[in-house]
Protein backbone atom coordinates (compact mmCIF):
# COMPACT_ATOMS: atom_id res chain seq x y z
CA MET A 1 -50.05 41.59 54.99
CA ASN A 2 -46.88 41.23 57.73
CA ARG A 3 -45.87 38.02 59.75
CA SER A 4 -48.85 36.80 62.37
CA HIS A 5 -48.88 35.54 65.62
CA VAL A 6 -50.68 32.06 66.28
CA LYS A 7 -51.26 32.45 70.37
CA LEU A 8 -52.79 29.20 72.07
CA LEU A 9 -53.64 30.20 75.73
CA ALA A 10 -51.85 27.83 78.05
CA ALA A 11 -51.73 27.31 81.99
CA SER A 12 -50.68 30.82 83.41
CA LEU A 13 -47.67 31.25 85.39
CA MET A 14 -48.59 32.63 88.66
CA LEU A 15 -47.03 32.98 91.99
CA ALA A 16 -48.75 31.19 94.93
CA LEU A 17 -48.42 29.69 98.27
CA GLY A 18 -48.16 26.36 100.07
CA LEU A 19 -49.32 24.86 102.48
CA PRO A 20 -49.79 26.89 105.98
CA THR A 21 -47.83 26.20 109.48
CA ALA A 22 -47.98 27.43 112.65
CA ALA A 23 -49.87 30.29 113.06
CA ILE A 24 -53.52 29.18 112.90
CA ALA A 25 -54.69 25.50 113.72
CA ALA A 26 -54.44 23.36 110.69
CA ASP A 27 -58.44 22.45 111.62
CA ASP A 28 -59.53 26.31 110.58
CA ILE A 29 -57.15 26.70 107.47
CA ALA A 30 -60.07 25.00 105.10
CA GLY A 31 -62.64 27.56 104.18
CA ASN A 32 -60.82 30.03 106.39
CA THR A 33 -61.93 34.04 104.90
CA ARG A 34 -59.67 35.58 106.40
CA PHE A 35 -56.67 35.25 104.30
CA ASP A 36 -56.02 33.57 100.87
CA LEU A 37 -53.56 30.95 100.44
CA SER A 38 -55.26 29.61 97.31
CA SER A 39 -52.63 30.24 94.47
CA VAL A 40 -50.06 27.98 95.76
CA GLN A 41 -46.87 27.49 94.09
CA ASP A 42 -43.96 25.74 96.46
CA ASN A 43 -41.40 26.54 94.08
CA ALA A 44 -41.91 30.18 94.15
CA THR A 45 -41.13 33.42 96.17
CA TYR A 46 -42.84 36.67 97.66
CA ASP A 47 -41.88 39.92 98.74
CA ARG A 48 -45.58 42.22 98.08
CA PHE A 49 -48.30 41.74 100.27
CA VAL A 50 -52.18 42.69 100.62
CA VAL A 51 -53.71 43.49 103.95
CA VAL A 52 -57.12 44.61 104.87
CA TYR A 53 -57.65 45.83 108.30
CA ARG A 54 -61.07 45.88 110.21
CA ASP A 55 -62.96 49.55 109.85
CA GLY A 56 -62.35 51.81 113.29
CA SER A 57 -59.04 50.00 113.80
CA THR A 58 -55.64 52.28 114.56
CA GLU A 59 -54.21 50.31 111.56
CA ARG A 60 -57.07 51.23 109.22
CA GLY A 61 -56.18 54.92 109.23
CA SER A 62 -52.27 54.83 110.23
CA SER A 63 -49.76 53.42 107.38
CA ALA A 64 -46.98 53.42 110.01
CA ALA A 65 -49.34 51.52 112.57
CA ALA A 66 -50.10 48.97 110.07
CA VAL A 67 -46.07 48.36 109.37
CA GLN A 68 -45.76 47.90 113.11
CA ALA A 69 -48.42 45.31 113.25
CA MET A 70 -47.31 43.72 110.40
CA SER A 71 -43.21 43.77 111.21
CA ALA A 72 -44.37 41.96 114.91
CA ALA A 73 -46.11 39.23 112.44
CA ALA A 74 -42.91 38.87 111.08
CA GLY A 75 -41.52 38.77 114.36
CA LYS A 76 -43.55 35.88 115.76
CA ALA A 77 -43.20 34.28 112.14
CA ARG A 78 -39.57 34.20 113.04
CA LEU A 79 -38.68 35.87 109.17
CA THR A 80 -35.39 37.85 109.13
CA ASP A 81 -33.32 39.73 106.68
CA ALA A 82 -30.60 38.50 104.68
CA VAL A 83 -27.98 36.74 105.74
CA GLN A 84 -25.52 39.03 104.19
CA PHE A 85 -27.51 41.87 107.17
CA GLY A 86 -27.09 39.72 109.59
CA GLY A 87 -29.74 38.24 109.78
CA ARG A 88 -32.21 41.54 111.51
CA ALA A 89 -35.32 41.43 111.22
CA LEU A 90 -37.49 41.31 108.45
CA GLY A 91 -37.91 44.46 106.53
CA LEU A 92 -41.34 46.21 105.28
CA ASN A 93 -41.61 48.36 103.09
CA TYR A 94 -45.11 50.48 102.77
CA LYS A 95 -46.19 51.50 99.63
CA ARG A 96 -49.95 52.57 99.34
CA LYS A 97 -53.61 51.90 99.88
CA LEU A 98 -55.55 50.12 97.30
CA ALA A 99 -58.65 51.79 96.16
CA SER A 100 -60.50 49.01 98.67
CA GLY A 101 -58.81 49.88 101.08
CA GLY A 102 -56.17 47.31 101.78
CA ASP A 103 -52.59 48.01 102.72
CA LEU A 104 -49.51 46.89 100.11
CA VAL A 105 -46.67 46.02 101.58
CA THR A 106 -42.88 44.94 100.57
CA THR A 107 -40.99 42.58 102.19
CA SER A 108 -36.87 43.47 102.45
CA ARG A 109 -36.77 39.99 101.01
CA ARG A 110 -38.45 37.21 98.59
CA LEU A 111 -39.81 34.74 101.29
CA ASN A 112 -39.92 30.96 100.09
CA ALA A 113 -43.46 29.25 99.99
CA ALA A 114 -43.12 28.15 103.29
CA GLU A 115 -42.22 31.56 104.81
CA ALA A 116 -44.93 33.24 103.12
CA ARG A 117 -48.00 30.88 104.21
CA GLN A 118 -46.17 31.64 108.24
CA PHE A 119 -46.23 35.53 107.46
CA VAL A 120 -49.46 35.65 105.54
CA GLN A 121 -51.08 33.39 108.91
CA GLN A 122 -49.35 35.13 111.69
CA ILE A 123 -50.90 38.77 110.25
CA ALA A 124 -54.07 36.98 109.79
CA ALA A 125 -54.30 36.53 113.50
CA ASP A 126 -54.40 39.66 114.63
CA PRO A 127 -57.96 40.39 115.24
CA ALA A 128 -57.78 44.48 113.67
CA VAL A 129 -57.32 42.18 110.55
CA GLU A 130 -60.03 41.14 107.74
CA PHE A 131 -57.63 39.75 105.27
CA VAL A 132 -54.77 38.82 104.23
CA GLN A 133 -53.40 38.06 101.04
CA PRO A 134 -49.94 37.50 98.56
CA ASP A 135 -49.83 40.14 95.98
CA TYR A 136 -50.47 37.53 93.54
CA LEU A 137 -48.72 37.77 89.58
CA ARG A 138 -51.63 37.07 87.04
CA GLN A 139 -50.94 36.33 83.63
CA ALA A 140 -52.25 36.70 79.96
CA LEU A 141 -54.10 33.27 79.33
CA ASP A 142 -51.87 32.95 76.25
CA LYS A 143 -48.30 31.52 75.52
CA PRO A 144 -46.97 32.49 72.03
CA SER A 145 -46.17 31.08 68.71
CA LYS A 146 -45.97 32.03 65.08
CA VAL A 147 -46.67 30.98 61.96
CA VAL A 148 -47.33 32.36 58.58
CA LEU A 149 -50.88 34.25 57.91
CA PRO A 150 -52.40 31.88 55.76
CA GLN A 151 -53.58 32.87 52.39
CA GLY A 152 -56.92 32.50 49.61
CA ALA A 153 -59.27 33.99 51.08
CA ALA A 154 -62.73 33.24 50.31
CA THR A 155 -64.96 35.70 48.51
CA PHE A 156 -66.41 37.86 50.92
CA THR A 157 -69.67 39.47 51.47
CA THR A 158 -70.94 42.26 53.88
CA PRO A 159 -69.10 43.61 55.73
CA ASN A 160 -67.12 45.25 53.47
CA ASP A 161 -63.63 44.93 55.09
CA GLN A 162 -60.72 42.57 53.39
CA TYR A 163 -60.63 39.68 54.96
CA PHE A 164 -63.79 39.31 57.27
CA ALA A 165 -65.00 36.33 55.17
CA GLY A 166 -61.82 33.94 54.94
CA TYR A 167 -61.02 34.21 58.37
CA GLN A 168 -63.57 35.67 60.78
CA TRP A 169 -65.98 32.13 61.00
CA ASP A 170 -66.96 33.34 64.85
CA TYR A 171 -69.02 36.70 63.32
CA LEU A 172 -71.48 34.42 61.52
CA ALA A 173 -74.90 32.25 62.55
CA ALA A 174 -74.00 28.53 63.79
CA GLY A 175 -76.22 26.78 61.20
CA GLY A 176 -73.70 24.48 59.97
CA ALA A 177 -73.13 26.71 56.27
CA ALA A 178 -69.74 25.86 54.58
CA PHE A 179 -66.81 28.12 55.97
CA ALA A 180 -63.42 27.88 53.07
CA ASP A 181 -60.65 27.32 55.08
CA ALA A 182 -57.44 28.52 53.35
CA SER A 183 -55.18 25.85 55.32
CA LEU A 184 -56.82 23.01 55.13
CA GLY A 185 -58.20 23.58 51.31
CA THR A 186 -61.38 22.64 52.24
CA ASN A 187 -64.66 23.65 53.38
CA VAL A 188 -65.75 23.37 57.38
CA ALA A 189 -69.03 23.76 58.58
CA ASN A 190 -69.57 26.47 60.63
CA TRP A 191 -71.10 25.41 64.12
CA GLY A 192 -69.29 27.57 66.15
CA GLY A 193 -69.73 31.06 65.36
CA ALA A 194 -71.31 33.08 67.99
CA ASN A 195 -74.30 35.10 65.38
CA ILE A 196 -72.62 38.43 65.34
CA LYS A 197 -72.83 39.57 62.19
CA GLN A 198 -77.31 39.58 62.10
CA ALA A 199 -76.72 41.31 65.45
CA TRP A 200 -75.45 44.93 64.09
CA THR A 201 -78.83 45.10 62.21
CA LEU A 202 -80.37 45.99 66.09
CA ALA A 203 -76.96 47.38 67.19
CA ASP A 204 -73.42 48.27 67.21
CA GLY A 205 -72.50 49.29 69.94
CA THR A 206 -73.42 52.73 70.72
CA GLY A 207 -72.79 54.80 73.79
CA VAL A 208 -71.46 52.25 75.58
CA VAL A 209 -67.78 52.06 76.92
CA ILE A 210 -65.78 48.45 77.09
CA ALA A 211 -62.87 48.69 79.37
CA SER A 212 -60.18 46.16 78.13
CA LEU A 213 -57.99 45.26 81.19
CA ASP A 214 -54.32 43.73 79.26
CA THR A 215 -51.55 44.58 78.62
CA GLY A 216 -52.76 47.83 76.27
CA VAL A 217 -53.33 48.62 72.81
CA THR A 218 -50.92 49.50 70.13
CA ASN A 219 -51.20 52.01 67.64
CA HIS A 220 -52.91 50.28 64.90
CA PRO A 221 -54.66 51.91 61.75
CA ASP A 222 -57.46 48.95 61.73
CA LEU A 223 -58.22 50.17 65.19
CA ASP A 224 -60.97 53.18 66.82
CA LEU A 225 -58.05 54.60 69.83
CA THR A 226 -60.47 57.52 70.22
CA LEU A 227 -59.85 56.65 73.66
CA ALA A 228 -56.66 55.26 73.68
CA ASN A 229 -54.87 57.87 75.82
CA ALA A 230 -57.71 58.24 77.82
CA GLY A 231 -56.96 54.83 79.30
CA TYR A 232 -54.46 53.97 81.69
CA ASP A 233 -51.05 52.17 82.43
CA PHE A 234 -51.71 50.55 86.20
CA THR A 235 -48.33 48.27 86.10
CA SER A 236 -47.03 50.31 89.43
CA THR A 237 -44.04 48.36 89.40
CA ALA A 238 -40.53 49.22 87.16
CA LEU A 239 -39.78 45.14 85.99
CA VAL A 240 -43.63 44.72 84.88
CA SER A 241 -43.64 48.34 82.92
CA GLY A 242 -40.42 48.75 81.55
CA ARG A 243 -40.10 51.47 82.35
CA SER A 244 -36.88 52.99 84.12
CA ALA A 245 -38.80 53.83 87.83
CA ASP A 246 -41.37 52.46 89.71
CA GLY A 247 -45.40 54.50 89.55
CA ARG A 248 -48.37 54.21 87.10
CA ALA A 249 -49.03 56.19 84.12
CA ALA A 250 -51.23 57.94 81.74
CA GLY A 251 -52.42 56.29 78.52
CA GLY A 252 -53.46 52.74 77.76
CA TRP A 253 -50.75 52.12 75.51
CA ASP A 254 -49.16 48.37 75.52
CA LEU A 255 -44.87 49.13 75.46
CA GLY A 256 -44.12 45.50 75.04
CA ASP A 257 -44.49 42.68 77.69
CA TRP A 258 -41.31 40.79 76.15
CA THR A 259 -38.92 38.51 79.32
CA THR A 260 -35.85 38.03 77.04
CA GLY A 261 -33.87 40.28 78.70
CA SER A 262 -31.59 39.01 82.02
CA LYS A 263 -33.27 41.01 83.39
CA TYR A 264 -36.26 38.28 83.53
CA LEU A 265 -34.25 36.14 85.25
CA ALA A 266 -35.90 34.54 87.78
CA THR A 267 -32.58 35.00 89.80
CA ASN A 268 -32.32 38.38 89.23
CA GLY A 269 -36.52 38.15 90.71
CA GLY A 270 -38.29 38.18 87.41
CA CYS A 271 -40.10 35.09 86.02
CA VAL A 272 -37.93 33.59 83.32
CA ASP A 273 -36.68 30.41 84.39
CA SER A 274 -36.18 26.61 82.98
CA SER A 275 -40.41 26.12 83.11
CA HIS A 276 -41.24 29.49 81.99
CA PRO A 277 -38.82 30.04 78.85
CA ALA A 278 -38.27 33.74 77.46
CA GLU A 279 -41.03 34.96 75.26
CA ASP A 280 -41.18 38.06 72.68
CA SER A 281 -44.09 40.70 73.17
CA SER A 282 -47.41 38.95 72.55
CA TRP A 283 -49.36 42.25 71.73
CA HIS A 284 -51.98 40.15 73.48
CA GLY A 285 -53.76 43.69 74.57
CA THR A 286 -54.33 44.91 70.99
CA HIS A 287 -56.16 41.20 69.59
CA VAL A 288 -58.83 41.56 72.44
CA PHE A 289 -59.13 44.87 72.20
CA GLY A 290 -60.08 44.44 68.30
CA THR A 291 -62.02 41.90 68.87
CA ALA A 292 -64.14 43.34 71.76
CA GLY A 293 -65.36 46.20 69.47
CA GLY A 294 -62.03 48.12 68.81
CA GLU A 295 -61.50 47.54 65.55
CA LYS A 296 -62.96 49.38 62.51
CA THR A 297 -65.83 47.74 60.91
CA ASN A 298 -67.68 47.71 57.38
CA ASN A 299 -64.74 50.28 56.22
CA THR A 300 -63.07 48.14 53.66
CA THR A 301 -60.01 47.40 55.80
CA GLY A 302 -58.59 44.28 58.04
CA MET A 303 -60.86 42.54 59.78
CA VAL A 304 -63.84 43.33 62.25
CA GLY A 305 -64.47 44.00 65.69
CA THR A 306 -68.00 42.82 67.79
CA ALA A 307 -69.35 45.77 69.12
CA PHE A 308 -67.44 48.68 66.51
CA GLY A 309 -69.98 51.24 67.74
CA ALA A 310 -68.56 51.39 71.35
CA LYS A 311 -65.53 52.69 72.17
CA VAL A 312 -63.02 50.78 73.72
CA LEU A 313 -60.97 51.81 77.14
CA PRO A 314 -57.28 50.22 77.06
CA VAL A 315 -56.15 49.94 80.78
CA ARG A 316 -52.68 48.53 81.01
CA VAL A 317 -52.72 45.69 83.58
CA LEU A 318 -49.37 43.33 82.08
CA GLY A 319 -46.85 43.66 81.23
CA HIS A 320 -43.54 42.13 81.83
CA CYS A 321 -44.12 38.67 83.13
CA GLY A 322 -47.50 39.72 83.78
CA GLY A 323 -50.03 41.49 86.41
CA TYR A 324 -50.34 41.92 90.17
CA ASP A 325 -53.45 41.84 91.67
CA SER A 326 -52.89 45.11 93.36
CA ASP A 327 -52.40 46.38 90.14
CA ILE A 328 -55.94 44.83 88.54
CA ALA A 329 -57.76 45.03 90.97
CA ASP A 330 -57.12 48.72 91.50
CA ALA A 331 -57.75 49.05 87.36
CA ILE A 332 -60.99 47.44 87.96
CA THR A 333 -62.20 49.93 90.25
CA TRP A 334 -61.10 53.00 88.52
CA ALA A 335 -62.61 51.50 84.57
CA SER A 336 -65.95 51.40 86.51
CA GLY A 337 -66.09 54.57 87.82
CA GLY A 338 -64.65 54.61 90.95
CA HIS A 339 -61.80 56.49 92.89
CA VAL A 340 -58.02 55.10 92.80
CA ASN A 341 -56.02 57.63 95.17
CA GLY A 342 -52.63 58.87 93.17
CA VAL A 343 -54.74 58.44 89.73
CA PRO A 344 -56.98 61.27 87.98
CA ASP A 345 -60.59 59.78 88.02
CA ASN A 346 -61.60 58.06 85.07
CA ALA A 347 -63.75 60.33 82.80
CA ASN A 348 -65.20 57.42 80.44
CA PRO A 349 -66.62 54.81 83.06
CA ALA A 350 -67.42 51.31 81.56
CA LYS A 351 -69.86 49.34 81.80
CA VAL A 352 -68.67 46.37 80.30
CA ILE A 353 -65.41 45.38 81.14
CA SER A 354 -63.27 42.33 79.31
CA MET A 355 -60.21 40.62 81.69
CA SER A 356 -58.61 37.50 79.57
CA LEU A 357 -55.99 36.86 82.00
CA GLY A 358 -55.75 34.90 85.50
CA GLY A 359 -53.83 32.09 87.25
CA SER A 360 -54.31 29.25 89.90
CA GLY A 361 -56.74 30.21 92.75
CA THR A 362 -60.17 30.76 94.57
CA CYS A 363 -61.46 33.70 93.97
CA THR A 364 -64.03 34.92 97.28
CA SER A 365 -66.29 38.00 97.81
CA SER A 366 -63.42 38.82 100.73
CA SER A 367 -60.64 38.41 98.58
CA VAL A 368 -58.52 41.67 96.87
CA THR A 369 -59.82 41.28 93.41
CA GLY A 370 -63.24 39.84 94.59
CA GLN A 371 -64.02 43.30 96.33
CA ALA A 372 -63.18 45.15 93.83
CA ILE A 373 -65.09 43.14 91.42
CA SER A 374 -67.99 43.61 93.78
CA GLY A 375 -67.63 47.67 93.36
CA ALA A 376 -67.69 47.78 89.87
CA ILE A 377 -71.00 45.73 89.72
CA SER A 378 -72.44 48.10 92.21
CA ARG A 379 -71.27 51.12 89.48
CA GLY A 380 -73.61 49.04 86.95
CA ALA A 381 -70.87 47.11 85.39
CA THR A 382 -71.05 43.26 83.81
CA VAL A 383 -67.04 42.04 84.83
CA VAL A 384 -66.59 39.02 81.75
CA VAL A 385 -63.77 37.08 82.66
CA ALA A 386 -61.86 34.34 80.45
CA ALA A 387 -62.03 30.83 82.29
CA GLY A 388 -58.71 29.82 81.55
CA ASN A 389 -56.61 27.10 79.61
CA SER A 390 -55.49 24.20 81.93
CA ASN A 391 -57.94 22.07 80.81
CA ALA A 392 -59.82 21.98 84.43
CA ASN A 393 -62.47 23.24 86.83
CA VAL A 394 -63.12 26.93 86.66
CA SER A 395 -63.57 26.49 90.47
CA GLY A 396 -59.62 26.73 90.94
CA PHE A 397 -59.26 29.99 88.62
CA SER A 398 -59.13 33.49 89.55
CA PRO A 399 -60.64 36.02 88.63
CA ALA A 400 -62.99 33.59 86.86
CA SER A 401 -64.12 32.15 90.11
CA CYS A 402 -64.77 35.47 91.65
CA PRO A 403 -68.77 36.15 92.78
CA GLY A 404 -70.77 38.19 90.40
CA VAL A 405 -68.48 37.63 86.68
CA VAL A 406 -69.39 36.60 83.88
CA ALA A 407 -67.13 33.02 83.19
CA VAL A 408 -66.30 32.85 79.54
CA ALA A 409 -65.19 28.87 78.46
CA ALA A 410 -63.77 28.92 74.66
CA THR A 411 -65.33 26.65 71.49
CA GLY A 412 -64.23 25.66 68.20
CA ILE A 413 -65.98 26.09 64.96
CA THR A 414 -67.66 22.45 65.29
CA SER A 415 -69.30 24.03 68.84
CA ARG A 416 -67.03 21.39 70.78
CA ARG A 417 -65.61 22.57 74.03
CA ALA A 418 -62.00 24.02 73.07
CA TYR A 419 -59.58 20.96 74.42
CA TYR A 420 -57.64 23.69 76.53
CA SER A 421 -60.84 25.34 78.20
CA ASN A 422 -61.68 25.27 81.60
CA TYR A 423 -65.04 24.05 82.48
CA GLY A 424 -67.09 23.47 84.86
CA LYS A 425 -70.86 24.93 87.25
CA GLY A 426 -68.96 28.28 87.03
CA ILE A 427 -68.66 28.83 83.78
CA THR A 428 -71.61 31.14 82.65
CA LEU A 429 -71.34 30.46 79.11
CA ALA A 430 -69.03 29.42 75.99
CA ALA A 431 -67.82 31.59 72.86
CA PRO A 432 -65.91 31.27 69.94
CA GLY A 433 -62.10 30.91 71.15
CA GLY A 434 -60.60 28.67 68.61
CA GLY A 435 -59.79 25.11 68.85
CA VAL A 436 -56.27 25.34 66.81
CA TYR A 437 -56.36 21.98 65.30
CA ALA A 438 -58.98 20.60 62.02
CA ASN A 439 -62.29 19.61 63.85
CA ASP A 440 -61.17 20.99 66.85
CA GLY A 441 -59.37 17.98 67.74
CA SER A 442 -56.26 17.82 70.38
CA SER A 443 -53.82 17.54 67.94
CA GLY A 444 -53.14 17.42 64.59
CA SER A 445 -53.19 19.89 61.46
CA GLN A 446 -54.02 23.74 62.37
CA ALA A 447 -56.36 25.21 60.61
CA THR A 448 -57.43 29.00 59.49
CA THR A 449 -60.82 28.10 61.05
CA GLY A 450 -58.97 26.76 64.52
CA PHE A 451 -58.24 30.58 65.45
CA ILE A 452 -59.79 33.78 66.54
CA TRP A 453 -58.23 36.22 64.26
CA SER A 454 -57.74 40.27 64.76
CA THR A 455 -55.48 43.31 64.94
CA ILE A 456 -51.48 42.56 66.34
CA ASP A 457 -48.22 44.07 65.83
CA SER A 458 -45.26 42.67 63.85
CA GLY A 459 -42.82 43.35 66.55
CA THR A 460 -40.53 41.49 69.22
CA THR A 461 -39.96 43.45 71.65
CA THR A 462 -41.70 46.94 71.10
CA PRO A 463 -43.94 47.98 68.58
CA SER A 464 -42.92 48.27 64.98
CA GLY A 465 -45.86 47.58 62.40
CA SER A 466 -49.15 46.51 62.38
CA THR A 467 -50.94 43.55 60.95
CA TYR A 468 -53.36 40.73 61.56
CA GLY A 469 -53.19 37.51 63.64
CA GLY A 470 -54.51 34.53 64.76
CA MET A 471 -54.86 33.47 68.93
CA ALA A 472 -56.71 30.92 70.04
CA GLY A 473 -58.04 30.28 74.30
CA THR A 474 -60.67 31.70 76.56
CA SER A 475 -58.92 35.26 76.15
CA GLN A 476 -59.88 35.26 72.90
CA ALA A 477 -63.82 33.90 73.77
CA THR A 478 -64.01 36.77 76.38
CA PRO A 479 -64.02 40.02 74.38
CA HIS A 480 -66.77 38.27 71.87
CA VAL A 481 -69.01 38.30 75.49
CA ALA A 482 -67.91 41.93 76.07
CA GLY A 483 -68.98 43.11 72.70
CA ALA A 484 -71.52 41.21 72.85
CA VAL A 485 -72.98 43.28 76.33
CA ALA A 486 -72.18 45.96 74.78
CA LEU A 487 -74.35 45.02 71.72
CA MET A 488 -77.26 44.42 74.39
CA GLN A 489 -76.64 47.30 76.43
CA SER A 490 -76.54 49.50 72.91
CA TYR A 491 -80.07 47.97 72.36
CA ARG A 492 -81.52 49.37 75.09
CA LEU A 493 -79.94 52.85 74.47
CA ALA A 494 -81.85 52.81 71.00
CA LEU A 495 -85.01 52.30 72.35
CA GLY A 496 -84.92 54.55 74.81
CA LYS A 497 -84.67 51.92 78.19
CA SER A 498 -82.68 51.92 80.88
CA LEU A 499 -79.40 49.61 81.32
CA LEU A 500 -79.76 46.10 82.68
CA SER A 501 -78.23 45.46 85.82
CA SER A 502 -75.45 42.74 85.82
CA THR A 503 -77.34 40.23 86.73
CA GLN A 504 -79.83 40.94 84.16
CA ILE A 505 -77.01 40.65 81.40
CA THR A 506 -76.23 37.49 82.89
CA SER A 507 -79.50 35.57 83.00
CA LEU A 508 -80.26 36.82 79.18
CA LEU A 509 -76.61 35.75 77.90
CA LYS A 510 -77.84 32.46 79.33
CA SER A 511 -80.96 32.51 78.38
CA SER A 512 -80.31 33.17 74.53
CA ALA A 513 -77.32 31.23 74.23
CA SER A 514 -77.30 28.22 71.16
CA ALA A 515 -77.20 24.78 72.65
CA PRO A 516 -73.78 23.33 70.98
CA HIS A 517 -74.04 21.06 67.75
CA VAL A 518 -71.32 18.79 69.26
CA ALA A 519 -72.41 18.13 72.89
CA ALA A 520 -70.80 19.23 76.10
CA SER A 521 -69.03 16.36 78.25
CA GLY A 522 -71.31 15.89 81.07
CA SER A 523 -68.46 15.89 83.50
CA LYS A 524 -66.82 19.06 81.70
CA PRO A 525 -69.77 21.37 81.16
CA ILE A 526 -69.44 24.65 79.66
CA GLY A 527 -72.57 26.72 81.00
CA ALA A 528 -75.43 27.63 78.82
CA GLY A 529 -74.42 26.98 75.79
CA ILE A 530 -72.82 29.31 72.52
CA LEU A 531 -73.01 33.21 72.82
CA ASN A 532 -75.63 34.14 70.31
CA ALA A 533 -75.58 37.54 69.61
CA TYR A 534 -78.72 38.31 68.18
CA ALA A 535 -80.76 36.67 70.50
CA ALA A 536 -78.98 38.09 73.27
CA VAL A 537 -79.56 41.66 71.89
CA GLN A 538 -82.86 40.80 71.06
CA ALA A 539 -83.68 39.37 74.45
CA ALA A 540 -82.27 42.68 76.25
CA GLY A 541 -84.29 44.83 73.36
CA ALA A 542 -87.54 42.63 75.35
CA GLN A 543 -87.18 43.65 78.58
CA PRO A 544 -89.04 46.03 80.22
């Protein structure tokens, strides 16, 4: 095996806005449902905004009228173009209409936080406007580091995949059985496994499509890439996609998300600065794709995936610097079978959507992402989202706080809440995400059992070699749950029963979850317990 990547999910880098001024009275800002300023970072700048006009308004049906109205709002906010252009009125460029009905526009220069706040509020003051927000940039919830893959795997049992027994503790039952940790040179009691191996006695995911919205997938011999070309790349700006021009593209392939080039410096409109160093490509999408179910299982090679009989559809929404809400929202709509202008309809609608991405901010049903998720749920999809890795309340993170999602926290092999994992009343349940350090501590020696192991690439920028690696975070917990949902629905199909709704799936995931061996702090709850895939699949089959 080649070198591997170990990834610890950290707080996401987010573009945001600041405290509002002028256009709307201060008393009306808190709880306002007509605009979103929750993902605020005072040191950020913005040049993309999404405005949803009310049905029946002139602006709803006319891009020219919409731009004219937004230009008037810019004038009221006293926003002008760059000084070198003589301080003329701020220019607006109409980009496209989102599947949810919102209009995406860009400004002729990047606005600082105060200017963006004023602009959003002036737009929201128009009675024709239903909702407005900056087009926030979201990230995969991890930050890379690299280590040598530990060797010395224990004797393996079924399945017969080469590295299953030595690394994939997360697929076993949480009964305290000894698991050999190669890096620590000792056995570790496994109280954190999700009981996925036993769930395979009932179902393997056959008949279900899981959409993995992430960085895409690389060409790896241990992955089922049947739907890779059927996926789609929704990253629509050249800086994010890495392509030579703006626009979306067919195929769910990961082209790399490195930010080591000068074009990604913040001074050039990129995302690299003193607080956010340049990074090699993460291959994050390949890792979660394998865990959800894309990894071939019982083939004597590599490792295993959760719902290995399901088909995983890769949808690229993250690239260099992250991914915009407008692109992510359209991808959610498309993945679940909805129509997106300019993109061929998805011939493989997903009943499970897995998103290991996000950042700061509160998601409401009115937001761009909230509307897309609501639409996906109405089309029969269950949307599974990483809770975030800031050791903070999930209520302040999006899309984990969006109504209707299954929000997933991370635990380690001891069943403790991982020290980085978000928590709170908004968490649905936890799943193995890796505790990184021995005994799931917040520091110390890194452990083989501290990570979730899956497929990855060895390239620093573009794909250059298939291998396996460990990552840790709520990004890794999420595909375990997404795969378990696919197993639940697959079992229903095998029994000749109708698929369950997202609400039913969520209820069963909660009622079947296992109580942690190490109880979570009352002030930092992690939902109903830890995923018990076997119990969840059993419960799904028992429903009428």
